[in-house]
Amino acid sequence: MNECMWIKESGSVQTIDLSSELLQRFSGDFLFLAYGTNFFQAGHANKEELSILNLEKLLELRIFSDEQEIYFSRSCIGESFQWRIASEQDVSQKYYIVQYQTLDINHDKCEKMGNPTDQYGNLVLYTTVGGKYVLPADMNADSSEVICYLIYDKNGMAKIADYRLKGFVERNAVEKGSEKV
């Protein structure tokens, strides 16, 4: 049995080919988070927003939806990106758990600033310690939803081997059975 059964596809791609790979693989309602040597960027995974990524300085890119995530990563500038598509579709629930990670949002300051958005309609959020960041989320979102994939050792002890982002949610609404925000 494949130990990483959530990985549906994987490979590598050169930086120069990354843009065409992204456009070829994605259509629909995907979000992205990108980390580079000097930036963090988030938004909707469409041609307009993805085209402004600084691919030369990019280290990690997660493009995700409710159903799956494609993750591109490299440890050094100039290397190829390794990628994988992860999904819990057709995976037994014993091999993944759902976690909610609280977003650092100073709601009072966001309100005071008029709940601003960037030029693409993504929320500009202020942190409790004075920073700010942009997320493609609803104002009610207070957590990121993360799927953690598990493997088991020979003694049956589980450990998280991989994870994927699923979206941004209002935690209380999820716990009461409501849809994502």
Protein backbone atom coordinates (compact mmCIF):
# COMPACT_ATOMS: atom_id res chain seq x y z
CA MET A 1 0.00 0.00 0.00
CA ASN A 2 1.25 3.48 -0.87
CA GLU A 3 2.13 5.15 2.42
CA CYS A 4 1.34 8.61 0.99
CA MET A 5 -1.99 7.73 -0.64
CA TRP A 6 -3.13 11.37 -0.53
CA ILE A 7 -0.50 12.27 -3.16
CA LYS A 8 -2.35 11.97 -6.44
CA GLU A 9 0.44 13.21 -8.71
CA SER A 10 3.96 14.67 -8.33
CA GLY A 11 6.91 15.90 -10.35
CA SER A 12 9.31 18.76 -10.88
CA VAL A 13 9.28 21.91 -12.99
CA GLN A 14 11.83 24.60 -13.84
CA THR A 15 11.11 28.18 -12.76
CA ILE A 16 10.82 29.26 -16.40
CA ASP A 17 8.01 26.72 -16.96
CA LEU A 18 6.12 27.37 -13.70
CA SER A 19 3.69 29.97 -15.11
CA SER A 20 2.54 27.72 -17.94
CA GLU A 21 2.25 24.76 -15.54
CA LEU A 22 -0.01 26.81 -13.27
CA LEU A 23 -2.26 28.00 -16.08
CA GLN A 24 -2.51 24.49 -17.50
CA ARG A 25 -3.54 22.85 -14.22
CA PHE A 26 -5.94 25.30 -12.66
CA SER A 27 -9.33 26.62 -13.46
CA GLY A 28 -12.08 27.23 -11.01
CA ASP A 29 -12.20 28.51 -7.48
CA PHE A 30 -8.65 28.09 -6.14
CA LEU A 31 -6.78 30.27 -3.65
CA PHE A 32 -3.03 30.61 -3.23
CA LEU A 33 -0.39 31.38 -0.63
CA ALA A 34 3.13 32.15 -1.82
CA TYR A 35 6.32 32.51 0.20
CA GLY A 36 9.53 33.93 -1.18
CA THR A 37 12.88 35.10 0.07
CA ASN A 38 11.40 38.52 0.79
CA PHE A 39 7.61 38.27 0.50
CA PHE A 40 4.36 36.60 1.53
CA GLN A 41 1.50 36.88 -0.93
CA ALA A 42 -2.03 35.46 -1.00
CA GLY A 43 -4.97 35.71 -3.32
CA HIS A 44 -7.23 34.02 -5.83
CA ALA A 45 -5.37 31.65 -8.16
CA ASN A 46 -6.25 33.39 -11.39
CA LYS A 47 -4.01 34.56 -14.21
CA GLU A 48 -4.05 38.20 -13.10
CA GLU A 49 -3.01 37.59 -9.49
CA LEU A 50 -0.55 34.76 -10.19
CA SER A 51 1.18 36.82 -12.89
CA ILE A 52 2.46 39.31 -10.29
CA LEU A 53 4.35 36.65 -8.31
CA ASN A 54 8.11 37.12 -8.30
CA LEU A 55 8.98 33.61 -9.53
CA GLU A 56 12.73 34.18 -9.27
CA LYS A 57 12.45 34.71 -5.50
CA LEU A 58 9.61 32.22 -4.93
CA LEU A 59 10.31 29.31 -2.54
CA GLU A 60 6.84 27.85 -1.88
CA LEU A 61 3.47 28.13 -3.58
CA ARG A 62 0.28 26.46 -2.38
CA ILE A 63 -2.75 26.56 -4.66
CA PHE A 64 -5.74 25.04 -2.93
CA SER A 65 -9.49 24.46 -2.84
CA ASP A 66 -11.93 22.37 -0.83
CA GLU A 67 -10.94 19.29 -2.83
CA GLN A 68 -7.18 19.47 -3.39
CA GLU A 69 -3.92 21.37 -3.21
CA ILE A 70 -0.94 21.59 -5.51
CA TYR A 71 2.23 22.48 -3.64
CA PHE A 72 5.39 23.75 -5.35
CA SER A 73 8.54 24.06 -3.26
CA ARG A 74 12.29 24.44 -3.49
CA SER A 75 14.87 25.07 -0.80
CA CYS A 76 17.17 27.34 -2.83
CA ILE A 77 16.77 29.97 -5.53
CA GLY A 78 17.82 28.59 -8.90
CA GLU A 79 16.69 25.02 -8.19
CA SER A 80 13.74 23.30 -9.86
CA PHE A 81 10.44 23.23 -8.01
CA GLN A 82 9.23 19.88 -6.69
CA TRP A 83 5.45 19.62 -6.71
CA ARG A 84 2.68 17.33 -5.57
CA ILE A 85 -1.09 17.27 -5.75
CA ALA A 86 -2.72 16.20 -2.48
CA SER A 87 -6.33 15.24 -1.85
CA GLU A 88 -8.11 13.13 0.73
CA GLN A 89 -10.55 11.89 -1.92
CA ASP A 90 -10.65 8.08 -1.74
CA VAL A 91 -8.45 8.12 1.39
CA SER A 92 -9.68 6.49 4.60
CA GLN A 93 -10.36 8.98 7.40
CA LYS A 94 -7.81 7.19 9.58
CA TYR A 95 -5.13 8.76 7.36
CA TYR A 96 -6.00 12.41 7.89
CA ILE A 97 -7.30 14.86 10.47
CA VAL A 98 -8.69 18.38 10.16
CA GLN A 99 -7.11 21.20 12.14
CA TYR A 100 -8.14 24.82 12.48
CA GLN A 101 -5.42 27.39 12.97
CA THR A 102 -6.51 30.74 14.34
CA LEU A 103 -5.67 33.76 12.19
CA ASP A 104 -4.08 36.73 13.94
CA ILE A 105 -6.64 39.46 13.21
CA ASN A 106 -7.19 42.70 15.08
CA HIS A 107 -10.88 43.08 14.19
CA ASP A 108 -11.17 46.50 15.85
CA LYS A 109 -8.36 47.93 13.72
CA CYS A 110 -9.74 46.30 10.55
CA GLU A 111 -13.09 47.93 11.26
CA LYS A 112 -11.48 51.26 12.12
CA MET A 113 -9.59 51.16 8.79
CA GLY A 114 -12.85 50.43 6.93
CA ASN A 115 -12.20 46.73 6.25
CA PRO A 116 -9.88 47.55 3.33
CA THR A 117 -9.18 45.31 0.34
CA ASP A 118 -6.33 45.20 -2.15
CA GLN A 119 -6.74 45.87 -5.87
CA TYR A 120 -7.99 42.28 -6.37
CA GLY A 121 -10.63 42.34 -3.63
CA ASN A 122 -8.61 40.38 -1.05
CA LEU A 123 -8.93 41.52 2.57
CA VAL A 124 -6.15 43.58 4.10
CA LEU A 125 -5.97 42.30 7.68
CA TYR A 126 -4.20 43.88 10.63
CA THR A 127 -2.54 41.75 13.30
CA THR A 128 -2.78 42.13 17.05
CA VAL A 129 0.87 43.23 17.18
CA GLY A 130 0.69 45.88 14.45
CA GLY A 131 1.53 44.03 11.25
CA LYS A 132 -0.72 43.53 8.26
CA TYR A 133 -1.25 40.91 5.58
CA VAL A 134 -3.64 40.13 2.74
CA LEU A 135 -5.90 37.06 2.50
CA PRO A 136 -8.57 35.98 0.03
CA ALA A 137 -11.08 35.47 2.84
CA ASP A 138 -14.43 36.69 4.06
CA MET A 139 -14.50 39.19 6.96
CA ASN A 140 -16.03 36.47 9.17
CA ALA A 141 -13.12 34.07 8.64
CA ASP A 142 -11.07 33.59 11.78
CA SER A 143 -9.18 30.34 11.02
CA SER A 144 -7.42 28.49 8.28
CA GLU A 145 -8.66 24.95 7.69
CA VAL A 146 -5.79 22.49 7.33
CA ILE A 147 -5.92 18.81 6.36
CA CYS A 148 -3.09 16.91 8.08
CA TYR A 149 -2.14 13.58 6.52
CA LEU A 150 -1.05 10.78 8.83
CA ILE A 151 1.29 7.84 8.60
CA TYR A 152 1.65 5.15 11.24
CA ASP A 153 4.85 3.59 12.56
CA LYS A 154 5.27 -0.13 13.26
CA ASN A 155 3.75 0.37 16.74
CA GLY A 156 0.64 2.03 15.35
CA MET A 157 1.63 5.54 16.47
CA ALA A 158 0.41 8.22 14.09
CA LYS A 159 2.42 11.22 12.98
CA ILE A 160 1.69 14.05 10.59
CA ALA A 161 3.64 13.43 7.39
CA ASP A 162 2.19 16.16 5.18
CA TYR A 163 -0.55 18.77 5.17
CA ARG A 164 -2.57 20.85 2.78
CA LEU A 165 -4.56 24.04 3.06
CA LYS A 166 -8.28 23.81 2.44
CA GLY A 167 -9.47 27.38 2.97
CA PHE A 168 -10.38 30.09 5.44
CA VAL A 169 -13.40 29.60 7.67
CA GLU A 170 -15.38 30.95 10.57
CA ARG A 171 -14.58 28.30 13.17
CA ASN A 172 -17.88 28.55 15.08
CA ALA A 173 -19.87 28.20 11.86
CA VAL A 174 -17.92 25.05 10.90
CA GLU A 175 -18.44 23.51 14.32
CA LYS A 176 -22.17 24.18 14.05
CA GLY A 177 -22.26 22.55 10.60
CA SER A 178 -22.49 25.68 8.45
CA GLU A 179 -20.69 26.12 5.17
CA LYS A 180 -17.38 27.91 4.70
CA VAL A 181 -17.36 31.69 4.62
